[in-house]
């Protein structure tokens, strides 16, 4: 439980990238020992940047960041595995956390690894490489990597991404019992509401951090009510300002002593303007959109994908199972099964055309939403990435589609490696719209996406008229999309 010990404090912290991208301006807040805090804010507001400030990877331009005690440790579970360490063994990867902190690798490293893997409910061979683990298994490894440090402050960045329902429930239970401080970035509202006792809201417009006490849903309600009160107060003030200005104009034209009355009226209007409160500009939601399906000529035989068999992992061994899947236009398939059974591997092999005995219809364009965005060229700008996949090149149309996904000119001119994970996700959906694919392959398409956008995305997928294969562990999202057939790999 939280106590009077403040473990983390930001005091008038200002931080920006260059001169054009402010993140924090004189931001102040404090977090007490044992707090379980949700960090909220729009995509691109700087939530991950705030984590790097806590870690000391970034230094504030002004103000101070204080931990109590001064040597309080900070552990972080990042969103994705480091690309340059994918061929490192699990054991060596865990050992590196101690080396990175200038500490000797403990003599009982294997025992400590076993303990943290048990905490995240993962059984694996620690001599396997990170690459040999599924997306869900990697998500658990990322959490375990932060836990092995036994940190005073635990930072979790989208920890439910790629986790199946069992994994989410296990993580929730673990966090409810965790006795130290936790700060979580997540777009999973139900997950946040299950264990948080406070919220830090990073406002992308004011660059301040607002602090609230209460569970997630209560805080969201409080913010909504505050917005409504501010708007009502400003509406009353604006009406009063108009009335006083109109009166001032009338008295000013009458001349004589009434001019002084007009002056007082103008001054009263100015005071009313100063009394207006700054309204929160709430998170924008992406525009409704459609993913156009590829059109085929009259000679197309109708089969977009023929998949006679699939490879899966059973009891740690690779096996091949017959499935006889045939997807035609306007067919939606859900691929189900627990983490580690081979769902993401199968989707990747379908995209690459290497799945066993598969036949892809001639000329079919495949649109692939990969959970780690590794199909994107991170050196490209957003604009170049969209132009590369655009079926019919039209810059004006490209910018219009991008705008609907909240990708303005500044974001489009930014290299993808500098975008937030949420912006990469929206860029990926914009690519699918411009590509006009005949087959959609979607691997956890809710990852990193603000929950406000999910109903809009679900509606677009529901109406998609091409063939679609999707993996998702979010039941509410799946329920909004027409699914014609489900293949559960665990039942094969």
Protein backbone atom coordinates (compact mmCIF):
# COMPACT_ATOMS: atom_id res chain seq x y z
CA UNK A 1 0.00 0.00 0.00
CA UNK A 2 1.08 3.60 -0.57
CA UNK A 3 2.59 5.48 2.37
CA UNK A 4 3.95 8.98 3.04
CA UNK A 5 7.27 8.20 1.39
CA UNK A 6 7.55 10.07 -1.94
CA UNK A 7 9.72 7.86 -4.14
CA UNK A 8 9.67 10.04 -7.31
CA UNK A 9 9.22 13.78 -7.78
CA UNK A 10 9.31 16.01 -10.86
CA UNK A 11 9.85 19.69 -10.00
CA UNK A 12 9.21 22.28 -12.73
CA UNK A 13 10.68 19.97 -15.38
CA UNK A 14 11.03 21.30 -18.91
CA UNK A 15 12.15 19.06 -21.78
CA UNK A 16 11.95 19.35 -25.54
CA UNK A 17 13.38 17.86 -28.70
CA UNK A 18 15.06 20.76 -30.48
CA UNK A 19 13.21 24.06 -30.66
CA UNK A 20 10.02 22.83 -32.29
CA UNK A 21 8.85 19.84 -30.22
CA UNK A 22 8.19 20.66 -26.56
CA UNK A 23 7.32 17.66 -24.38
CA UNK A 24 7.20 19.09 -20.84
CA UNK A 25 6.97 22.70 -19.70
CA UNK A 26 7.49 23.32 -15.97
CA UNK A 27 5.80 19.99 -15.15
CA UNK A 28 5.53 18.94 -11.51
CA UNK A 29 4.12 15.82 -9.84
CA UNK A 30 5.04 13.28 -7.17
CA UNK A 31 4.55 9.53 -6.80
CA UNK A 32 4.47 7.77 -3.45
CA UNK A 33 5.93 4.41 -2.59
CA UNK A 34 3.49 1.64 -3.44
CA UNK A 35 1.40 3.72 -5.85
CA UNK A 36 0.10 1.98 -8.98
CA UNK A 37 -0.12 4.76 -11.53
CA UNK A 38 -1.48 4.86 -15.10
CA UNK A 39 0.32 7.32 -17.39
CA UNK A 40 -2.16 8.73 -19.92
CA UNK A 41 -1.86 11.03 -22.92
CA UNK A 42 -2.39 11.14 -26.67
CA UNK A 43 -0.18 9.19 -29.06
CA UNK A 44 2.98 11.27 -29.47
CA UNK A 45 2.41 13.29 -26.28
CA UNK A 46 5.68 12.02 -24.84
CA UNK A 47 4.75 9.21 -22.45
CA UNK A 48 7.72 7.03 -23.42
CA UNK A 49 9.93 10.14 -23.25
CA UNK A 50 8.81 10.72 -19.67
CA UNK A 51 9.90 7.15 -18.89
CA UNK A 52 13.34 7.92 -20.32
CA UNK A 53 13.57 10.99 -18.11
CA UNK A 54 12.80 8.84 -15.07
CA UNK A 55 15.45 6.33 -16.19
CA UNK A 56 18.00 9.12 -16.65
CA UNK A 57 18.44 8.40 -20.36
CA UNK A 58 17.27 11.97 -21.04
CA UNK A 59 18.14 15.01 -18.94
CA UNK A 60 15.69 17.87 -18.33
CA UNK A 61 16.41 21.26 -19.86
CA UNK A 62 15.17 22.91 -16.67
CA UNK A 63 13.91 21.73 -13.30
CA UNK A 64 14.79 18.62 -11.35
CA UNK A 65 13.89 14.93 -11.10
CA UNK A 66 14.36 13.47 -7.64
CA UNK A 67 14.19 9.90 -6.35
CA UNK A 68 14.08 9.00 -2.66
CA UNK A 69 16.41 7.51 -1.69
CA UNK A 70 18.80 8.94 -4.27
CA UNK A 71 19.86 5.47 -5.33
CA UNK A 72 16.30 4.19 -5.76
CA UNK A 73 16.41 1.70 -8.62
CA UNK A 74 14.24 1.89 -11.72
CA UNK A 75 13.33 -1.10 -13.89
CA UNK A 76 11.57 -0.85 -17.22
CA UNK A 77 9.66 -3.34 -19.33
CA UNK A 78 9.83 -1.91 -22.84
CA UNK A 79 7.33 -2.42 -25.64
CA UNK A 80 9.51 -4.45 -28.00
CA UNK A 81 12.65 -6.52 -27.94
CA UNK A 82 15.86 -4.70 -28.97
CA UNK A 83 16.44 -5.62 -32.62
CA UNK A 84 20.21 -5.95 -32.14
CA UNK A 85 19.82 -8.58 -29.39
CA UNK A 86 17.35 -10.97 -30.99
CA UNK A 87 20.05 -13.66 -31.45
CA UNK A 88 21.21 -13.46 -27.81
CA UNK A 89 20.24 -16.32 -25.51
CA UNK A 90 17.73 -15.71 -22.74
CA UNK A 91 20.42 -16.34 -20.11
CA UNK A 92 22.91 -13.89 -21.66
CA UNK A 93 20.17 -11.29 -22.09
CA UNK A 94 19.25 -11.43 -18.41
CA UNK A 95 22.95 -11.30 -17.47
CA UNK A 96 23.34 -8.10 -19.49
CA UNK A 97 21.03 -6.14 -17.20
CA UNK A 98 23.56 -6.44 -14.39
CA UNK A 99 26.52 -5.61 -16.64
CA UNK A 100 24.69 -2.55 -17.98
CA UNK A 101 24.32 -1.27 -14.41
CA UNK A 102 28.02 -1.87 -13.60
CA UNK A 103 27.22 -4.84 -11.35
CA UNK A 104 28.71 -8.31 -11.22
CA UNK A 105 26.53 -11.06 -12.64
CA UNK A 106 25.12 -12.84 -9.56
CA UNK A 107 26.33 -16.36 -8.83
CA UNK A 108 22.72 -17.56 -8.61
CA UNK A 109 21.65 -16.02 -11.94
CA UNK A 110 19.88 -19.16 -13.18
CA UNK A 111 17.84 -19.36 -9.95
CA UNK A 112 16.87 -15.68 -10.24
CA UNK A 113 15.91 -16.16 -13.90
CA UNK A 114 13.76 -19.14 -12.92
CA UNK A 115 12.01 -17.07 -10.23
CA UNK A 116 11.12 -14.16 -12.54
CA UNK A 117 10.02 -16.48 -15.36
CA UNK A 118 7.73 -18.18 -12.87
CA UNK A 119 6.39 -14.75 -11.84
CA UNK A 120 5.34 -14.04 -15.44
CA UNK A 121 4.09 -17.59 -16.01
CA UNK A 122 6.58 -18.52 -18.73
CA UNK A 123 8.30 -21.86 -19.18
CA UNK A 124 11.22 -21.77 -21.58
CA UNK A 125 14.75 -23.03 -22.17
CA UNK A 126 17.14 -20.20 -21.23
CA UNK A 127 19.63 -21.37 -23.88
CA UNK A 128 17.14 -20.45 -26.63
CA UNK A 129 17.55 -17.09 -28.34
CA UNK A 130 15.06 -14.25 -27.99
CA UNK A 131 14.16 -14.70 -31.65
CA UNK A 132 12.99 -18.25 -30.98
CA UNK A 133 10.14 -16.95 -28.80
CA UNK A 134 6.71 -15.84 -29.97
CA UNK A 135 5.48 -12.27 -29.59
CA UNK A 136 3.53 -13.21 -26.46
CA UNK A 137 6.51 -15.03 -24.98
CA UNK A 138 8.72 -12.03 -25.73
CA UNK A 139 6.22 -9.77 -23.93
CA UNK A 140 6.61 -11.96 -20.82
CA UNK A 141 10.39 -11.96 -21.17
CA UNK A 142 10.39 -8.15 -21.31
CA UNK A 143 8.44 -8.02 -18.05
CA UNK A 144 10.67 -10.63 -16.41
CA UNK A 145 13.75 -8.65 -17.50
CA UNK A 146 12.53 -5.66 -15.51
CA UNK A 147 11.62 -7.77 -12.48
CA UNK A 148 15.00 -9.45 -12.14
CA UNK A 149 16.39 -6.05 -11.16
CA UNK A 150 13.95 -5.96 -8.18
CA UNK A 151 13.39 -2.22 -8.83
CA UNK A 152 11.97 0.34 -6.41
CA UNK A 153 10.09 1.87 -9.36
CA UNK A 154 8.76 -0.42 -12.10
CA UNK A 155 7.94 1.18 -15.47
CA UNK A 156 5.73 -0.82 -17.84
CA UNK A 157 5.25 0.33 -21.42
CA UNK A 158 2.24 -1.38 -23.06
CA UNK A 159 2.79 -4.64 -21.09
CA UNK A 160 -0.35 -6.38 -22.40
CA UNK A 161 0.68 -6.16 -26.05
CA UNK A 162 0.86 -9.68 -27.52
CA UNK A 163 -0.34 -11.32 -24.30
CA UNK A 164 -3.21 -13.80 -24.48
CA UNK A 165 -6.07 -13.54 -21.96
CA UNK A 166 -4.35 -15.92 -19.54
CA UNK A 167 -1.21 -13.80 -19.69
CA UNK A 168 -3.14 -10.57 -19.06
CA UNK A 169 -4.92 -12.11 -16.07
CA UNK A 170 -1.63 -13.38 -14.63
CA UNK A 171 0.03 -9.98 -15.08
CA UNK A 172 -2.94 -8.21 -13.47
CA UNK A 173 -2.77 -10.48 -10.43
CA UNK A 174 0.97 -9.96 -10.13
CA UNK A 175 0.63 -6.16 -10.21
CA UNK A 176 -2.15 -6.19 -7.63
CA UNK A 177 0.23 -7.97 -5.23
CA UNK A 178 3.35 -5.95 -6.14
CA UNK A 179 4.45 -3.97 -3.07
CA UNK A 180 6.66 -1.39 -4.77
CA UNK A 181 5.81 1.49 -7.13
CA UNK A 182 4.44 0.81 -10.62
CA UNK A 183 3.86 3.31 -13.44
CA UNK A 184 2.11 1.87 -16.50
CA UNK A 185 1.54 3.09 -20.05
CA UNK A 186 -1.30 1.12 -21.62
CA UNK A 187 -4.24 1.60 -23.97
CA UNK A 188 -6.07 -1.36 -22.41
CA UNK A 189 -8.68 0.43 -20.29
CA UNK A 190 -10.01 -2.69 -18.50
CA UNK A 191 -6.47 -3.76 -17.59
CA UNK A 192 -5.63 -0.32 -16.16
CA UNK A 193 -8.84 -0.11 -14.18
CA UNK A 194 -8.20 -3.44 -12.48
CA UNK A 195 -5.24 -2.31 -10.37
CA UNK A 196 -4.43 1.42 -10.64
CA UNK A 197 -4.98 3.89 -7.80
CA UNK A 198 -3.99 7.06 -9.64
CA UNK A 199 -3.41 8.67 -13.02
CA UNK A 200 -0.78 11.02 -14.44
CA UNK A 201 -2.18 12.79 -17.52
CA UNK A 202 0.40 14.23 -19.94
CA UNK A 203 -1.40 16.95 -21.91
CA UNK A 204 -0.03 17.17 -25.45
CA UNK A 205 -1.21 20.80 -25.77
CA UNK A 206 -0.14 22.37 -22.45
CA UNK A 207 2.84 20.03 -21.89
CA UNK A 208 1.88 19.79 -18.23
CA UNK A 209 1.33 16.67 -16.14
CA UNK A 210 -1.94 16.58 -14.22
CA UNK A 211 -2.28 14.20 -11.27
CA UNK A 212 -5.48 12.40 -10.26
CA UNK A 213 -6.34 9.96 -7.47
CA UNK A 214 -8.66 7.02 -8.08
CA UNK A 215 -9.02 4.06 -10.42
CA UNK A 216 -8.82 4.54 -14.16
CA UNK A 217 -12.52 4.77 -15.00
CA UNK A 218 -13.23 7.16 -12.11
CA UNK A 219 -10.44 9.46 -13.29
CA UNK A 220 -11.66 9.38 -16.91
CA UNK A 221 -15.12 10.36 -15.63
CA UNK A 222 -13.60 13.15 -13.52
CA UNK A 223 -11.67 14.50 -16.52
CA UNK A 224 -14.79 14.39 -18.69
CA UNK A 225 -16.82 16.26 -16.08
CA UNK A 226 -14.07 18.85 -15.71
CA UNK A 227 -14.02 19.42 -19.47
CA UNK A 228 -17.79 19.96 -19.44
CA UNK A 229 -17.55 22.40 -16.51
CA UNK A 230 -14.76 24.36 -18.20
CA UNK A 231 -16.71 24.57 -21.44
CA UNK A 232 -19.84 25.76 -19.61
CA UNK A 233 -17.85 28.38 -17.68
CA UNK A 234 -16.25 29.64 -20.86
CA UNK A 235 -19.59 29.73 -22.67
CA UNK A 236 -21.00 31.94 -19.91
CA UNK A 237 -17.90 34.14 -19.98
CA UNK A 238 -18.07 34.50 -23.78
CA UNK A 239 -21.71 35.54 -23.57
CA UNK A 240 -20.83 38.15 -20.94
CA UNK A 241 -17.90 39.40 -23.03
CA UNK A 242 -20.12 39.83 -26.10
CA UNK A 243 -22.76 41.67 -24.04
CA UNK A 244 -20.24 44.09 -22.52
CA UNK A 245 -18.54 44.76 -25.85
CA UNK A 246 -21.89 45.47 -27.50
CA UNK A 247 -22.78 47.86 -24.66
CA UNK A 248 -19.38 49.55 -24.92
CA UNK A 249 -19.93 50.06 -28.66
CA UNK A 250 -23.34 51.67 -28.02
CA UNK A 251 -22.04 54.04 -25.30
CA UNK A 252 -18.93 54.95 -27.29
CA UNK A 253 -21.04 56.22 -30.19
CA UNK A 254 -23.17 58.39 -27.91
CA UNK A 255 -20.12 60.40 -26.91
CA UNK A 256 -19.77 62.75 -23.95
CA UNK A 257 -19.58 61.25 -20.51
CA UNK A 258 -20.80 57.93 -21.85
CA UNK A 259 -17.39 57.36 -23.39
CA UNK A 260 -16.00 56.71 -19.90
CA UNK A 261 -18.78 54.16 -19.39
CA UNK A 262 -17.77 52.52 -22.67
CA UNK A 263 -14.17 52.38 -21.44
CA UNK A 264 -15.26 50.63 -18.23
CA UNK A 265 -17.33 48.18 -20.26
CA UNK A 266 -14.29 47.31 -22.42
CA UNK A 267 -12.17 46.85 -19.31
CA UNK A 268 -14.83 44.55 -17.82
CA UNK A 269 -14.83 42.53 -21.07
CA UNK A 270 -11.04 42.20 -20.86
CA UNK A 271 -11.32 40.98 -17.26
CA UNK A 272 -13.90 38.41 -18.33
CA UNK A 273 -11.55 37.22 -21.09
CA UNK A 274 -8.77 36.78 -18.54
CA UNK A 275 -11.12 34.73 -16.33
CA UNK A 276 -11.70 32.14 -19.05
CA UNK A 277 -10.11 28.80 -18.24
CA UNK A 278 -7.94 26.83 -20.65
CA UNK A 279 -10.04 23.99 -21.98
CA UNK A 280 -8.47 20.59 -22.47
CA UNK A 281 -8.36 19.63 -26.10
CA UNK A 282 -9.36 16.00 -25.75
CA UNK A 283 -7.64 13.18 -27.59
CA UNK A 284 -8.70 13.22 -31.21
CA UNK A 285 -10.15 10.09 -32.74
CA UNK A 286 -9.20 8.97 -36.23
CA UNK A 287 -11.76 9.50 -38.98
CA UNK A 288 -13.92 6.64 -40.18
CA UNK A 289 -12.18 4.90 -43.08
CA UNK A 290 -12.46 1.98 -45.44
CA UNK A 291 -9.77 -0.40 -46.69
CA UNK A 292 -10.55 -0.85 -50.40
CA UNK A 293 -10.28 -4.47 -51.54
CA UNK A 294 -8.27 -5.37 -54.62
CA UNK A 295 -10.37 -5.92 -57.73
CA UNK A 296 -9.73 -8.93 -59.98
CA UNK A 297 -10.43 -9.59 -63.65
CA UNK A 298 -13.09 -11.98 -64.88
CA UNK A 299 -10.56 -14.83 -65.25
CA UNK A 300 -9.67 -14.94 -61.53
CA UNK A 301 -10.72 -18.34 -60.10
CA UNK A 302 -11.91 -16.84 -56.79
CA UNK A 303 -9.37 -18.50 -54.51
CA UNK A 304 -7.32 -15.82 -52.77
CA UNK A 305 -5.51 -18.25 -50.44
CA UNK A 306 -5.34 -22.05 -50.37
CA UNK A 307 -3.65 -23.34 -47.21
CA UNK A 308 -3.79 -27.15 -46.94
CA UNK A 309 -1.60 -27.53 -43.82
CA UNK A 310 0.02 -25.49 -41.06
CA UNK A 311 3.04 -25.84 -38.81
CA UNK A 312 2.48 -25.40 -35.06
CA UNK A 313 4.35 -25.93 -31.80
CA UNK A 314 3.09 -28.78 -29.61
CA UNK A 315 4.90 -29.67 -26.37
CA UNK A 316 7.92 -27.71 -27.55
CA UNK A 317 8.15 -29.56 -30.86
CA UNK A 318 7.23 -28.42 -34.36
CA UNK A 319 4.46 -30.48 -35.99
CA UNK A 320 2.47 -30.17 -39.22
CA UNK A 321 -1.31 -30.40 -39.22
CA UNK A 322 -3.76 -30.59 -42.13
CA UNK A 323 -6.34 -27.77 -42.13
CA UNK A 324 -7.57 -27.35 -45.74
CA UNK A 325 -8.20 -23.61 -45.43
CA UNK A 326 -9.51 -21.86 -48.52
CA UNK A 327 -10.13 -18.10 -48.37
CA UNK A 328 -12.11 -16.31 -51.01
CA UNK A 329 -13.14 -12.68 -51.41
CA UNK A 330 -15.07 -11.25 -48.44
CA UNK A 331 -14.07 -14.10 -46.08
CA UNK A 332 -12.78 -13.24 -42.61
CA UNK A 333 -10.84 -15.79 -40.58
CA UNK A 334 -9.73 -15.56 -36.93
CA UNK A 335 -6.58 -17.51 -36.04
CA UNK A 336 -6.72 -18.45 -32.35
CA UNK A 337 -4.55 -20.27 -29.84
CA UNK A 338 -2.30 -19.58 -26.84
CA UNK A 339 0.99 -17.68 -26.91
CA UNK A 340 3.83 -19.74 -28.33
CA UNK A 341 1.79 -22.10 -30.52
CA UNK A 342 2.98 -20.45 -33.75
CA UNK A 343 0.29 -17.98 -34.83
CA UNK A 344 2.66 -15.09 -35.67
CA UNK A 345 5.08 -17.45 -37.41
CA UNK A 346 2.27 -18.77 -39.58
CA UNK A 347 1.12 -15.24 -40.52
CA UNK A 348 4.67 -14.28 -41.43
CA UNK A 349 5.06 -17.37 -43.61
CA UNK A 350 1.77 -16.63 -45.38
CA UNK A 351 2.98 -13.08 -46.05
CA UNK A 352 6.36 -14.33 -47.31
CA UNK A 353 4.77 -17.12 -49.34
CA UNK A 354 6.75 -19.82 -47.48
CA UNK A 355 3.89 -21.59 -45.63
CA UNK A 356 3.89 -25.29 -46.51
CA UNK A 357 2.10 -26.06 -49.80
CA UNK A 358 0.23 -22.73 -49.72
CA UNK A 359 -1.09 -21.25 -52.95
CA UNK A 360 -1.69 -17.51 -53.20
CA UNK A 361 -3.96 -16.34 -55.97
CA UNK A 362 -2.12 -14.89 -58.97
CA UNK A 363 -1.43 -11.18 -58.56
CA UNK A 364 -2.95 -10.96 -55.04
CA UNK A 365 -1.56 -8.03 -53.03
CA UNK A 366 -0.99 -8.89 -49.37
CA UNK A 367 -1.34 -6.21 -46.73
CA UNK A 368 0.50 -7.21 -43.54
CA UNK A 369 0.10 -5.54 -40.15
CA UNK A 370 2.95 -6.99 -38.11
CA UNK A 371 2.85 -6.58 -34.35
CA UNK A 372 6.43 -5.26 -34.08
CA UNK A 373 6.23 -3.07 -37.25
CA UNK A 374 9.40 -4.73 -38.58
CA UNK A 375 8.01 -4.62 -42.14
CA UNK A 376 8.45 -0.84 -42.00
CA UNK A 377 11.73 0.77 -43.04
CA UNK A 378 12.51 2.85 -39.96
CA UNK A 379 14.90 5.07 -41.95
CA UNK A 380 12.09 6.23 -44.24
CA UNK A 381 9.87 9.20 -43.55
CA UNK A 382 6.18 8.58 -43.06
CA UNK A 383 5.47 10.19 -46.44
CA UNK A 384 7.93 7.93 -48.30
CA UNK A 385 6.55 4.84 -46.58
CA UNK A 386 3.02 5.67 -47.70
CA UNK A 387 4.06 6.61 -51.23
CA UNK A 388 5.94 3.30 -51.65
CA UNK A 389 2.79 1.19 -51.14
CA UNK A 390 0.27 3.48 -52.80
CA UNK A 391 -1.47 1.60 -55.59
CA UNK A 392 -2.37 4.74 -57.54
CA UNK A 393 0.06 7.55 -56.74
CA UNK A 394 -1.68 10.77 -55.81
CA UNK A 395 0.00 13.01 -53.24
CA UNK A 396 -3.16 14.94 -52.43
CA UNK A 397 -5.06 11.70 -51.75
CA UNK A 398 -2.14 10.39 -49.70
CA UNK A 399 -2.12 13.44 -47.45
CA UNK A 400 -5.89 13.31 -47.07
CA UNK A 401 -5.79 9.67 -45.94
CA UNK A 402 -2.85 10.37 -43.62
CA UNK A 403 -4.71 13.29 -42.06
CA UNK A 404 -7.59 10.98 -41.20
CA UNK A 405 -5.13 8.91 -39.19
CA UNK A 406 -3.85 12.04 -37.36
CA UNK A 407 -0.63 12.00 -39.40
CA UNK A 408 -0.08 15.66 -40.25
CA UNK A 409 2.69 17.19 -42.33
CA UNK A 410 5.10 17.26 -39.40
CA UNK A 411 4.63 13.56 -38.69
CA UNK A 412 4.84 12.62 -42.39
CA UNK A 413 8.20 14.39 -42.68
CA UNK A 414 9.54 12.52 -39.62
CA UNK A 415 11.59 9.36 -39.95
CA UNK A 416 9.63 6.35 -38.72
CA UNK A 417 12.28 5.53 -36.11
CA UNK A 418 11.39 8.77 -34.32
CA UNK A 419 7.63 8.11 -34.29
CA UNK A 420 5.81 6.77 -31.24
CA UNK A 421 4.61 3.18 -31.41
CA UNK A 422 1.03 4.47 -31.66
CA UNK A 423 1.93 6.61 -34.67
CA UNK A 424 3.62 3.61 -36.31
CA UNK A 425 0.40 1.67 -35.86
CA UNK A 426 -1.72 4.41 -37.46
CA UNK A 427 0.83 4.71 -40.28
CA UNK A 428 0.49 0.95 -40.87
CA UNK A 429 -3.29 1.27 -41.23
CA UNK A 430 -2.87 4.21 -43.62
CA UNK A 431 -0.57 2.00 -45.72
CA UNK A 432 -3.26 -0.68 -45.92
CA UNK A 433 -5.82 1.87 -47.15
CA UNK A 434 -3.50 3.13 -49.88
CA UNK A 435 -2.33 -0.36 -50.88
CA UNK A 436 -5.82 -1.76 -51.67
CA UNK A 437 -4.86 -5.35 -50.76
CA UNK A 438 -6.67 -8.51 -51.77
CA UNK A 439 -5.57 -10.32 -48.58
CA UNK A 440 -5.23 -8.70 -45.16
CA UNK A 441 -2.90 -10.41 -42.68
CA UNK A 442 -3.30 -8.80 -39.26
CA UNK A 443 -1.12 -9.75 -36.28
CA UNK A 444 -2.45 -8.08 -33.10
CA UNK A 445 -3.75 -4.93 -34.87
CA UNK A 446 -4.76 -3.35 -31.54
CA UNK A 447 -1.16 -3.20 -30.27
CA UNK A 448 -0.09 0.35 -29.36
CA UNK A 449 -3.38 1.84 -30.62
CA UNK A 450 -5.29 4.33 -28.45
CA UNK A 451 -8.51 2.64 -27.31
CA UNK A 452 -10.52 5.58 -28.73
CA UNK A 453 -9.49 4.51 -32.24
CA UNK A 454 -10.36 0.82 -31.87
CA UNK A 455 -14.10 1.03 -32.69
CA UNK A 456 -13.27 2.93 -35.90
CA UNK A 457 -10.67 0.33 -36.89
CA UNK A 458 -13.02 -2.54 -36.03
CA UNK A 459 -15.71 -1.01 -38.25
CA UNK A 460 -13.29 -0.77 -41.19
CA UNK A 461 -12.19 -4.40 -40.78
CA UNK A 462 -15.79 -5.56 -40.40
CA UNK A 463 -16.66 -4.00 -43.77
CA UNK A 464 -13.51 -5.09 -45.61
CA UNK A 465 -14.52 -7.06 -48.69
CA UNK A 466 -11.27 -8.88 -49.40
CA UNK A 467 -9.97 -11.97 -47.61
CA UNK A 468 -8.68 -11.48 -44.08
CA UNK A 469 -6.71 -13.51 -41.52
CA UNK A 470 -6.44 -11.96 -38.07
CA UNK A 471 -4.82 -12.75 -34.74
CA UNK A 472 -6.09 -10.82 -31.73
CA UNK A 473 -6.43 -11.56 -28.03
CA UNK A 474 -8.90 -8.72 -27.35
CA UNK A 475 -12.42 -10.24 -27.18
CA UNK A 476 -14.24 -6.89 -27.26
CA UNK A 477 -12.40 -5.89 -30.44
CA UNK A 478 -13.05 -9.24 -32.12
CA UNK A 479 -16.76 -9.04 -31.24
CA UNK A 480 -17.12 -5.93 -33.41
CA UNK A 481 -15.79 -7.64 -36.56
CA UNK A 482 -17.55 -10.18 -38.77
CA UNK A 483 -15.70 -13.47 -38.43
CA UNK A 484 -16.75 -16.19 -40.87
CA UNK A 485 -14.51 -18.95 -39.58
CA UNK A 486 -12.19 -19.51 -36.61
CA UNK A 487 -9.20 -21.83 -36.66
CA UNK A 488 -7.96 -22.62 -33.15
CA UNK A 489 -4.47 -24.05 -33.47
CA UNK A 490 -4.64 -25.55 -29.99
CA UNK A 491 -7.45 -27.88 -31.16
CA UNK A 492 -5.53 -29.32 -34.11
